[in-house]
Each structure stands twice: as C-alpha cells, then as structure tokens.
Amino acid sequence: TLGAAYTSEVLDILTSDPSIWAKTVF
C-alpha cells in the first residue's frame, strides 16, 4: 500500500500539467 501511495503521488505530479503528461511515459 505504501508503494502504491508513492506511485500515486508521482502520477499526481506528472498529470498536474496536461501538456507535460501528453508526452510522458511512466
């Protein structure tokens, strides 16, 4: 669950700007 929480936090950051997420692979 802690690993999932960390992954979720990274995704929150990556998707906070749609223009960045549109060219990102995680």
mmCIF file of all heavy atoms, coordinates in Angstrom:
data_MODEL
# 
_entry.id   MODEL 
# 
loop_
_atom_site.group_PDB 
_atom_site.id 
_atom_site.type_symbol 
_atom_site.label_atom_id 
_atom_site.label_alt_id 
_atom_site.label_comp_id 
_atom_site.label_asym_id 
_atom_site.label_entity_id 
_atom_site.label_seq_id 
_atom_site.pdbx_PDB_ins_code 
_atom_site.Cartn_x 
_atom_site.Cartn_y 
_atom_site.Cartn_z 
_atom_site.occupancy 
_atom_site.B_iso_or_equiv 
_atom_site.pdbx_formal_charge 
_atom_site.auth_seq_id 
_atom_site.auth_comp_id 
_atom_site.auth_asym_id 
_atom_site.auth_atom_id 
_atom_site.pdbx_PDB_model_num 
ATOM 1   N N   . THR A 1 1  ? 0.826  -1.211 0.000   1.00 0.00 ? 1  THR A N   1 
ATOM 2   C CA  . THR A 1 1  ? 0.000  0.000  0.000   1.00 0.00 ? 1  THR A CA  1 
ATOM 3   C C   . THR A 1 1  ? 0.858  1.257  0.000   1.00 0.00 ? 1  THR A C   1 
ATOM 4   O O   . THR A 1 1  ? 0.501  2.263  -0.611  1.00 0.00 ? 1  THR A O   1 
ATOM 5   C CB  . THR A 1 1  ? -0.936 0.002  1.226   1.00 0.00 ? 1  THR A CB  1 
ATOM 6   O OG1 . THR A 1 1  ? -0.180 -0.247 2.413   1.00 0.00 ? 1  THR A OG1 1 
ATOM 7   C CG2 . THR A 1 1  ? -2.013 -1.053 1.086   1.00 0.00 ? 1  THR A CG2 1 
ATOM 8   N N   . LEU A 1 2  ? 1.997  1.214  0.689   1.00 0.00 ? 2  LEU A N   1 
ATOM 9   C CA  . LEU A 1 2  ? 2.879  2.375  0.694   1.00 0.00 ? 2  LEU A CA  1 
ATOM 10  C C   . LEU A 1 2  ? 3.502  2.580  -0.688  1.00 0.00 ? 2  LEU A C   1 
ATOM 11  O O   . LEU A 1 2  ? 3.660  3.708  -1.141  1.00 0.00 ? 2  LEU A O   1 
ATOM 12  C CB  . LEU A 1 2  ? 3.969  2.198  1.753   1.00 0.00 ? 2  LEU A CB  1 
ATOM 13  C CG  . LEU A 1 2  ? 3.507  2.404  3.199   1.00 0.00 ? 2  LEU A CG  1 
ATOM 14  C CD1 . LEU A 1 2  ? 4.557  1.927  4.187   1.00 0.00 ? 2  LEU A CD1 1 
ATOM 15  C CD2 . LEU A 1 2  ? 3.193  3.874  3.433   1.00 0.00 ? 2  LEU A CD2 1 
ATOM 16  N N   . GLY A 1 3  ? 3.864  1.483  -1.351  1.00 0.00 ? 3  GLY A N   1 
ATOM 17  C CA  . GLY A 1 3  ? 4.383  1.616  -2.707  1.00 0.00 ? 3  GLY A CA  1 
ATOM 18  C C   . GLY A 1 3  ? 3.349  2.208  -3.645  1.00 0.00 ? 3  GLY A C   1 
ATOM 19  O O   . GLY A 1 3  ? 3.662  3.056  -4.491  1.00 0.00 ? 3  GLY A O   1 
ATOM 20  N N   . ALA A 1 4  ? 2.092  1.772  -3.489  1.00 0.00 ? 4  ALA A N   1 
ATOM 21  C CA  . ALA A 1 4  ? 1.016  2.314  -4.322  1.00 0.00 ? 4  ALA A CA  1 
ATOM 22  C C   . ALA A 1 4  ? 0.801  3.790  -4.040  1.00 0.00 ? 4  ALA A C   1 
ATOM 23  O O   . ALA A 1 4  ? 0.530  4.587  -4.957  1.00 0.00 ? 4  ALA A O   1 
ATOM 24  C CB  . ALA A 1 4  ? -0.269 1.532  -4.071  1.00 0.00 ? 4  ALA A CB  1 
ATOM 25  N N   . ALA A 1 5  ? 0.916  4.177  -2.766  1.00 0.00 ? 5  ALA A N   1 
ATOM 26  C CA  . ALA A 1 5  ? 0.755  5.588  -2.420  1.00 0.00 ? 5  ALA A CA  1 
ATOM 27  C C   . ALA A 1 5  ? 1.850  6.439  -3.064  1.00 0.00 ? 5  ALA A C   1 
ATOM 28  O O   . ALA A 1 5  ? 1.585  7.546  -3.557  1.00 0.00 ? 5  ALA A O   1 
ATOM 29  C CB  . ALA A 1 5  ? 0.788  5.757  -0.901  1.00 0.00 ? 5  ALA A CB  1 
ATOM 30  N N   . TYR A 1 6  ? 3.084  5.935  -3.078  1.00 0.00 ? 6  TYR A N   1 
ATOM 31  C CA  . TYR A 1 6  ? 4.185  6.665  -3.713  1.00 0.00 ? 6  TYR A CA  1 
ATOM 32  C C   . TYR A 1 6  ? 3.943  6.794  -5.224  1.00 0.00 ? 6  TYR A C   1 
ATOM 33  O O   . TYR A 1 6  ? 4.116  7.869  -5.806  1.00 0.00 ? 6  TYR A O   1 
ATOM 34  C CB  . TYR A 1 6  ? 5.496  5.938  -3.449  1.00 0.00 ? 6  TYR A CB  1 
ATOM 35  C CG  . TYR A 1 6  ? 6.725  6.744  -3.821  1.00 0.00 ? 6  TYR A CG  1 
ATOM 36  C CD1 . TYR A 1 6  ? 7.421  7.454  -2.859  1.00 0.00 ? 6  TYR A CD1 1 
ATOM 37  C CD2 . TYR A 1 6  ? 7.195  6.786  -5.128  1.00 0.00 ? 6  TYR A CD2 1 
ATOM 38  C CE1 . TYR A 1 6  ? 8.555  8.191  -3.183  1.00 0.00 ? 6  TYR A CE1 1 
ATOM 39  C CE2 . TYR A 1 6  ? 8.309  7.518  -5.470  1.00 0.00 ? 6  TYR A CE2 1 
ATOM 40  C CZ  . TYR A 1 6  ? 8.989  8.221  -4.495  1.00 0.00 ? 6  TYR A CZ  1 
ATOM 41  O OH  . TYR A 1 6  ? 10.094 8.959  -4.826  1.00 0.00 ? 6  TYR A OH  1 
ATOM 42  N N   . THR A 1 7  ? 3.548  5.672  -5.850  1.00 0.00 ? 7  THR A N   1 
ATOM 43  C CA  . THR A 1 7  ? 3.252  5.708  -7.286  1.00 0.00 ? 7  THR A CA  1 
ATOM 44  C C   . THR A 1 7  ? 2.149  6.712  -7.589  1.00 0.00 ? 7  THR A C   1 
ATOM 45  O O   . THR A 1 7  ? 2.224  7.474  -8.568  1.00 0.00 ? 7  THR A O   1 
ATOM 46  C CB  . THR A 1 7  ? 2.833  4.310  -7.769  1.00 0.00 ? 7  THR A CB  1 
ATOM 47  O OG1 . THR A 1 7  ? 3.897  3.391  -7.529  1.00 0.00 ? 7  THR A OG1 1 
ATOM 48  C CG2 . THR A 1 7  ? 2.490  4.325  -9.246  1.00 0.00 ? 7  THR A CG2 1 
ATOM 49  N N   . SER A 1 8  ? 1.120  6.728  -6.764  1.00 0.00 ? 8  SER A N   1 
ATOM 50  C CA  . SER A 1 8  ? 0.022  7.673  -6.952  1.00 0.00 ? 8  SER A CA  1 
ATOM 51  C C   . SER A 1 8  ? 0.511  9.111  -6.848  1.00 0.00 ? 8  SER A C   1 
ATOM 52  O O   . SER A 1 8  ? 0.082  9.992  -7.603  1.00 0.00 ? 8  SER A O   1 
ATOM 53  C CB  . SER A 1 8  ? -1.070 7.398  -5.911  1.00 0.00 ? 8  SER A CB  1 
ATOM 54  O OG  . SER A 1 8  ? -2.117 8.340  -6.018  1.00 0.00 ? 8  SER A OG  1 
ATOM 55  N N   . GLU A 1 9  ? 1.444  9.363  -5.908  1.00 0.00 ? 9  GLU A N   1 
ATOM 56  C CA  . GLU A 1 9  ? 1.976  10.728 -5.738  1.00 0.00 ? 9  GLU A CA  1 
ATOM 57  C C   . GLU A 1 9  ? 2.755  11.159 -6.984  1.00 0.00 ? 9  GLU A C   1 
ATOM 58  O O   . GLU A 1 9  ? 2.629  12.300 -7.442  1.00 0.00 ? 9  GLU A O   1 
ATOM 59  C CB  . GLU A 1 9  ? 2.878  10.762 -4.503  1.00 0.00 ? 9  GLU A CB  1 
ATOM 60  C CG  . GLU A 1 9  ? 3.304  12.143 -4.062  1.00 0.00 ? 9  GLU A CG  1 
ATOM 61  C CD  . GLU A 1 9  ? 2.175  12.942 -3.436  1.00 0.00 ? 9  GLU A CD  1 
ATOM 62  O OE1 . GLU A 1 9  ? 1.204  12.320 -2.966  1.00 0.00 ? 9  GLU A OE1 1 
ATOM 63  O OE2 . GLU A 1 9  ? 2.256  14.181 -3.421  1.00 0.00 ? 9  GLU A OE2 1 
ATOM 64  N N   . VAL A 1 10 ? 3.553  10.260 -7.530  1.00 0.00 ? 10 VAL A N   1 
ATOM 65  C CA  . VAL A 1 10 ? 4.288  10.590 -8.756  1.00 0.00 ? 10 VAL A CA  1 
ATOM 66  C C   . VAL A 1 10 ? 3.321  10.893 -9.895  1.00 0.00 ? 10 VAL A C   1 
ATOM 67  O O   . VAL A 1 10 ? 3.499  11.851 -10.657 1.00 0.00 ? 10 VAL A O   1 
ATOM 68  C CB  . VAL A 1 10 ? 5.236  9.432  -9.152  1.00 0.00 ? 10 VAL A CB  1 
ATOM 69  C CG1 . VAL A 1 10 ? 5.880  9.701  -10.506 1.00 0.00 ? 10 VAL A CG1 1 
ATOM 70  C CG2 . VAL A 1 10 ? 6.309  9.243  -8.084  1.00 0.00 ? 10 VAL A CG2 1 
ATOM 71  N N   . LEU A 1 11 ? 2.256  10.076 -10.018 1.00 0.00 ? 11 LEU A N   1 
ATOM 72  C CA  . LEU A 1 11 ? 1.269  10.311 -11.075 1.00 0.00 ? 11 LEU A CA  1 
ATOM 73  C C   . LEU A 1 11 ? 0.539  11.633 -10.882 1.00 0.00 ? 11 LEU A C   1 
ATOM 74  O O   . LEU A 1 11 ? 0.226  12.333 -11.862 1.00 0.00 ? 11 LEU A O   1 
ATOM 75  C CB  . LEU A 1 11 ? 0.273  9.157  -11.122 1.00 0.00 ? 11 LEU A CB  1 
ATOM 76  C CG  . LEU A 1 11 ? 0.750  7.910  -11.858 1.00 0.00 ? 11 LEU A CG  1 
ATOM 77  C CD1 . LEU A 1 11 ? -0.203 6.752  -11.629 1.00 0.00 ? 11 LEU A CD1 1 
ATOM 78  C CD2 . LEU A 1 11 ? 0.889  8.190  -13.350 1.00 0.00 ? 11 LEU A CD2 1 
ATOM 79  N N   . ASP A 1 12 ? 0.256  12.002 -9.629  1.00 0.00 ? 12 ASP A N   1 
ATOM 80  C CA  . ASP A 1 12 ? -0.377 13.294 -9.375  1.00 0.00 ? 12 ASP A CA  1 
ATOM 81  C C   . ASP A 1 12 ? 0.491  14.434 -9.912  1.00 0.00 ? 12 ASP A C   1 
ATOM 82  O O   . ASP A 1 12 ? -0.016 15.407 -10.485 1.00 0.00 ? 12 ASP A O   1 
ATOM 83  C CB  . ASP A 1 12 ? -0.618 13.485 -7.873  1.00 0.00 ? 12 ASP A CB  1 
ATOM 84  C CG  . ASP A 1 12 ? -1.784 12.659 -7.367  1.00 0.00 ? 12 ASP A CG  1 
ATOM 85  O OD1 . ASP A 1 12 ? -2.547 12.138 -8.211  1.00 0.00 ? 12 ASP A OD1 1 
ATOM 86  O OD2 . ASP A 1 12 ? -1.939 12.529 -6.145  1.00 0.00 ? 12 ASP A OD2 1 
ATOM 87  N N   . ILE A 1 13 ? 1.796  14.303 -9.716  1.00 0.00 ? 13 ILE A N   1 
ATOM 88  C CA  . ILE A 1 13 ? 2.715  15.337 -10.194 1.00 0.00 ? 13 ILE A CA  1 
ATOM 89  C C   . ILE A 1 13 ? 2.775  15.343 -11.721 1.00 0.00 ? 13 ILE A C   1 
ATOM 90  O O   . ILE A 1 13 ? 2.654  16.386 -12.362 1.00 0.00 ? 13 ILE A O   1 
ATOM 91  C CB  . ILE A 1 13 ? 4.117  15.126 -9.594  1.00 0.00 ? 13 ILE A CB  1 
ATOM 92  C CG1 . ILE A 1 13 ? 4.067  15.282 -8.070  1.00 0.00 ? 13 ILE A CG1 1 
ATOM 93  C CG2 . ILE A 1 13 ? 5.133  16.077 -10.203 1.00 0.00 ? 13 ILE A CG2 1 
ATOM 94  C CD1 . ILE A 1 13 ? 5.344  14.871 -7.358  1.00 0.00 ? 13 ILE A CD1 1 
ATOM 95  N N   . LEU A 1 14 ? 2.927  14.166 -12.325 1.00 0.00 ? 14 LEU A N   1 
ATOM 96  C CA  . LEU A 1 14 ? 3.080  14.087 -13.785 1.00 0.00 ? 14 LEU A CA  1 
ATOM 97  C C   . LEU A 1 14 ? 1.837  14.567 -14.521 1.00 0.00 ? 14 LEU A C   1 
ATOM 98  O O   . LEU A 1 14 ? 1.923  15.123 -15.619 1.00 0.00 ? 14 LEU A O   1 
ATOM 99  C CB  . LEU A 1 14 ? 3.390  12.648 -14.189 1.00 0.00 ? 14 LEU A CB  1 
ATOM 100 C CG  . LEU A 1 14 ? 4.772  12.109 -13.815 1.00 0.00 ? 14 LEU A CG  1 
ATOM 101 C CD1 . LEU A 1 14 ? 4.880  10.632 -14.209 1.00 0.00 ? 14 LEU A CD1 1 
ATOM 102 C CD2 . LEU A 1 14 ? 5.880  12.905 -14.491 1.00 0.00 ? 14 LEU A CD2 1 
ATOM 103 N N   . THR A 1 15 ? 0.662  14.323 -13.949 1.00 0.00 ? 15 THR A N   1 
ATOM 104 C CA  . THR A 1 15 ? -0.585 14.687 -14.640 1.00 0.00 ? 15 THR A CA  1 
ATOM 105 C C   . THR A 1 15 ? -1.088 16.073 -14.259 1.00 0.00 ? 15 THR A C   1 
ATOM 106 O O   . THR A 1 15 ? -2.152 16.487 -14.731 1.00 0.00 ? 15 THR A O   1 
ATOM 107 C CB  . THR A 1 15 ? -1.680 13.650 -14.333 1.00 0.00 ? 15 THR A CB  1 
ATOM 108 O OG1 . THR A 1 15 ? -1.873 13.552 -12.913 1.00 0.00 ? 15 THR A OG1 1 
ATOM 109 C CG2 . THR A 1 15 ? -1.295 12.277 -14.875 1.00 0.00 ? 15 THR A CG2 1 
ATOM 110 N N   . SER A 1 16 ? -0.357 16.781 -13.397 1.00 0.00 ? 16 SER A N   1 
ATOM 111 C CA  . SER A 1 16 ? -0.812 18.118 -12.995 1.00 0.00 ? 16 SER A CA  1 
ATOM 112 C C   . SER A 1 16 ? -0.748 19.108 -14.141 1.00 0.00 ? 16 SER A C   1 
ATOM 113 O O   . SER A 1 16 ? -1.463 20.114 -14.141 1.00 0.00 ? 16 SER A O   1 
ATOM 114 C CB  . SER A 1 16 ? 0.035  18.617 -11.817 1.00 0.00 ? 16 SER A CB  1 
ATOM 115 O OG  . SER A 1 16 ? 1.404  18.729 -12.198 1.00 0.00 ? 16 SER A OG  1 
ATOM 116 N N   . ASP A 1 17 ? 0.096  18.863 -15.126 1.00 0.00 ? 17 ASP A N   1 
ATOM 117 C CA  . ASP A 1 17 ? 0.171  19.713 -16.313 1.00 0.00 ? 17 ASP A CA  1 
ATOM 118 C C   . ASP A 1 17 ? -0.133 18.834 -17.532 1.00 0.00 ? 17 ASP A C   1 
ATOM 119 O O   . ASP A 1 17 ? 0.700  18.020 -17.934 1.00 0.00 ? 17 ASP A O   1 
ATOM 120 C CB  . ASP A 1 17 ? 1.567  20.324 -16.448 1.00 0.00 ? 17 ASP A CB  1 
ATOM 121 C CG  . ASP A 1 17 ? 1.666  21.323 -17.605 1.00 0.00 ? 17 ASP A CG  1 
ATOM 122 O OD1 . ASP A 1 17 ? 0.836  21.252 -18.536 1.00 0.00 ? 17 ASP A OD1 1 
ATOM 123 O OD2 . ASP A 1 17 ? 2.591  22.149 -17.591 1.00 0.00 ? 17 ASP A OD2 1 
ATOM 124 N N   . PRO A 1 18 ? -1.328 18.959 -18.130 1.00 0.00 ? 18 PRO A N   1 
ATOM 125 C CA  . PRO A 1 18 ? -1.711 18.095 -19.260 1.00 0.00 ? 18 PRO A CA  1 
ATOM 126 C C   . PRO A 1 18 ? -0.730 18.141 -20.426 1.00 0.00 ? 18 PRO A C   1 
ATOM 127 O O   . PRO A 1 18 ? -0.545 17.131 -21.116 1.00 0.00 ? 18 PRO A O   1 
ATOM 128 C CB  . PRO A 1 18 ? -3.086 18.632 -19.668 1.00 0.00 ? 18 PRO A CB  1 
ATOM 129 C CG  . PRO A 1 18 ? -3.615 19.278 -18.428 1.00 0.00 ? 18 PRO A CG  1 
ATOM 130 C CD  . PRO A 1 18 ? -2.428 19.857 -17.731 1.00 0.00 ? 18 PRO A CD  1 
ATOM 131 N N   . SER A 1 19 ? -0.087 19.287 -20.644 1.00 0.00 ? 19 SER A N   1 
ATOM 132 C CA  . SER A 1 19 ? 0.852  19.383 -21.765 1.00 0.00 ? 19 SER A CA  1 
ATOM 133 C C   . SER A 1 19 ? 2.101  18.540 -21.520 1.00 0.00 ? 19 SER A C   1 
ATOM 134 O O   . SER A 1 19 ? 2.729  18.050 -22.466 1.00 0.00 ? 19 SER A O   1 
ATOM 135 C CB  . SER A 1 19 ? 1.243  20.843 -21.997 1.00 0.00 ? 19 SER A CB  1 
ATOM 136 O OG  . SER A 1 19 ? 1.961  21.361 -20.880 1.00 0.00 ? 19 SER A OG  1 
ATOM 137 N N   . ILE A 1 20 ? 2.484  18.368 -20.251 1.00 0.00 ? 20 ILE A N   1 
ATOM 138 C CA  . ILE A 1 20 ? 3.622  17.502 -19.920 1.00 0.00 ? 20 ILE A CA  1 
ATOM 139 C C   . ILE A 1 20 ? 3.204  16.037 -20.000 1.00 0.00 ? 20 ILE A C   1 
ATOM 140 O O   . ILE A 1 20 ? 3.904  15.196 -20.577 1.00 0.00 ? 20 ILE A O   1 
ATOM 141 C CB  . ILE A 1 20 ? 4.159  17.824 -18.514 1.00 0.00 ? 20 ILE A CB  1 
ATOM 142 C CG1 . ILE A 1 20 ? 4.660  19.275 -18.448 1.00 0.00 ? 20 ILE A CG1 1 
ATOM 143 C CG2 . ILE A 1 20 ? 5.269  16.850 -18.122 1.00 0.00 ? 20 ILE A CG2 1 
ATOM 144 C CD1 . ILE A 1 20 ? 5.832  19.554 -19.356 1.00 0.00 ? 20 ILE A CD1 1 
ATOM 145 N N   . TRP A 1 21 ? 2.028  15.735 -19.428 1.00 0.00 ? 21 TRP A N   1 
ATOM 146 C CA  . TRP A 1 21 ? 1.561  14.347 -19.454 1.00 0.00 ? 21 TRP A CA  1 
ATOM 147 C C   . TRP A 1 21 ? 1.369  13.842 -20.876 1.00 0.00 ? 21 TRP A C   1 
ATOM 148 O O   . TRP A 1 21 ? 1.570  12.659 -21.159 1.00 0.00 ? 21 TRP A O   1 
ATOM 149 C CB  . TRP A 1 21 ? 0.260  14.226 -18.663 1.00 0.00 ? 21 TRP A CB  1 
ATOM 150 C CG  . TRP A 1 21 ? -0.329 12.844 -18.685 1.00 0.00 ? 21 TRP A CG  1 
ATOM 151 C CD1 . TRP A 1 21 ? -1.510 12.456 -19.226 1.00 0.00 ? 21 TRP A CD1 1 
ATOM 152 C CD2 . TRP A 1 21 ? 0.269  11.659 -18.156 1.00 0.00 ? 21 TRP A CD2 1 
ATOM 153 N NE1 . TRP A 1 21 ? -1.704 11.108 -19.060 1.00 0.00 ? 21 TRP A NE1 1 
ATOM 154 C CE2 . TRP A 1 21 ? -0.616 10.594 -18.404 1.00 0.00 ? 21 TRP A CE2 1 
ATOM 155 C CE3 . TRP A 1 21 ? 1.472  11.393 -17.483 1.00 0.00 ? 21 TRP A CE3 1 
ATOM 156 C CZ2 . TRP A 1 21 ? -0.344 9.289  -18.012 1.00 0.00 ? 21 TRP A CZ2 1 
ATOM 157 C CZ3 . TRP A 1 21 ? 1.745  10.086 -17.099 1.00 0.00 ? 21 TRP A CZ3 1 
ATOM 158 C CH2 . TRP A 1 21 ? 0.848  9.053  -17.365 1.00 0.00 ? 21 TRP A CH2 1 
ATOM 159 N N   . ALA A 1 22 ? 1.013  14.727 -21.792 1.00 0.00 ? 22 ALA A N   1 
ATOM 160 C CA  . ALA A 1 22 ? 0.745  14.320 -23.175 1.00 0.00 ? 22 ALA A CA  1 
ATOM 161 C C   . ALA A 1 22 ? 1.984  13.779 -23.879 1.00 0.00 ? 22 ALA A C   1 
ATOM 162 O O   . ALA A 1 22 ? 1.872  13.193 -24.956 1.00 0.00 ? 22 ALA A O   1 
ATOM 163 C CB  . ALA A 1 22 ? 0.181  15.504 -23.961 1.00 0.00 ? 22 ALA A CB  1 
ATOM 164 N N   . LYS A 1 23 ? 3.154  13.961 -23.303 1.00 0.00 ? 23 LYS A N   1 
ATOM 165 C CA  . LYS A 1 23 ? 4.381  13.452 -23.935 1.00 0.00 ? 23 LYS A CA  1 
ATOM 166 C C   . LYS A 1 23 ? 5.231  12.653 -22.938 1.00 0.00 ? 23 LYS A C   1 
ATOM 167 O O   . LYS A 1 23 ? 6.451  12.614 -23.043 1.00 0.00 ? 23 LYS A O   1 
ATOM 168 C CB  . LYS A 1 23 ? 5.196  14.610 -24.512 1.00 0.00 ? 23 LYS A CB  1 
ATOM 169 C CG  . LYS A 1 23 ? 5.529  15.717 -23.512 1.00 0.00 ? 23 LYS A CG  1 
ATOM 170 C CD  . LYS A 1 23 ? 6.276  16.860 -24.206 1.00 0.00 ? 23 LYS A CD  1 
ATOM 171 C CE  . LYS A 1 23 ? 6.579  17.993 -23.218 1.00 0.00 ? 23 LYS A CE  1 
ATOM 172 N NZ  . LYS A 1 23 ? 7.272  19.114 -23.891 1.00 0.00 ? 23 LYS A NZ  1 
ATOM 173 N N   . THR A 1 24 ? 4.559  12.017 -21.992 1.00 0.00 ? 24 THR A N   1 
ATOM 174 C CA  . THR A 1 24 ? 5.265  11.322 -20.910 1.00 0.00 ? 24 THR A CA  1 
ATOM 175 C C   . THR A 1 24 ? 4.913  9.842  -20.874 1.00 0.00 ? 24 THR A C   1 
ATOM 176 O O   . THR A 1 24 ? 3.763  9.466  -21.071 1.00 0.00 ? 24 THR A O   1 
ATOM 177 C CB  . THR A 1 24 ? 4.913  11.951 -19.548 1.00 0.00 ? 24 THR A CB  1 
ATOM 178 O OG1 . THR A 1 24 ? 5.347  13.307 -19.538 1.00 0.00 ? 24 THR A OG1 1 
ATOM 179 C CG2 . THR A 1 24 ? 5.587  11.209 -18.405 1.00 0.00 ? 24 THR A CG2 1 
ATOM 180 N N   . VAL A 1 25 ? 5.926  9.009  -20.603 1.00 0.00 ? 25 VAL A N   1 
ATOM 181 C CA  . VAL A 1 25 ? 5.740  7.587  -20.290 1.00 0.00 ? 25 VAL A CA  1 
ATOM 182 C C   . VAL A 1 25 ? 6.312  7.352  -18.906 1.00 0.00 ? 25 VAL A C   1 
ATOM 183 O O   . VAL A 1 25 ? 7.458  7.711  -18.624 1.00 0.00 ? 25 VAL A O   1 
ATOM 184 C CB  . VAL A 1 25 ? 6.446  6.684  -21.320 1.00 0.00 ? 25 VAL A CB  1 
ATOM 185 C CG1 . VAL A 1 25 ? 6.399  5.227  -20.869 1.00 0.00 ? 25 VAL A CG1 1 
ATOM 186 C CG2 . VAL A 1 25 ? 5.812  6.840  -22.685 1.00 0.00 ? 25 VAL A CG2 1 
ATOM 187 N N   . PHE A 1 26 ? 5.522  6.755  -18.036 1.00 0.00 ? 26 PHE A N   1 
ATOM 188 C CA  . PHE A 1 26 ? 5.924  6.455  -16.660 1.00 0.00 ? 26 PHE A CA  1 
ATOM 189 C C   . PHE A 1 26 ? 6.018  4.946  -16.516 1.00 0.00 ? 26 PHE A C   1 
ATOM 190 O O   . PHE A 1 26 ? 5.027  4.232  -16.669 1.00 0.00 ? 26 PHE A O   1 
ATOM 191 C CB  . PHE A 1 26 ? 4.897  7.045  -15.689 1.00 0.00 ? 26 PHE A CB  1 
ATOM 192 C CG  . PHE A 1 26 ? 5.179  6.785  -14.233 1.00 0.00 ? 26 PHE A CG  1 
ATOM 193 C CD1 . PHE A 1 26 ? 6.468  6.825  -13.730 1.00 0.00 ? 26 PHE A CD1 1 
ATOM 194 C CD2 . PHE A 1 26 ? 4.140  6.498  -13.357 1.00 0.00 ? 26 PHE A CD2 1 
ATOM 195 C CE1 . PHE A 1 26 ? 6.722  6.595  -12.387 1.00 0.00 ? 26 PHE A CE1 1 
ATOM 196 C CE2 . PHE A 1 26 ? 4.385  6.256  -12.008 1.00 0.00 ? 26 PHE A CE2 1 
ATOM 197 C CZ  . PHE A 1 26 ? 5.679  6.311  -11.528 1.00 0.00 ? 26 PHE A CZ  1 
# 
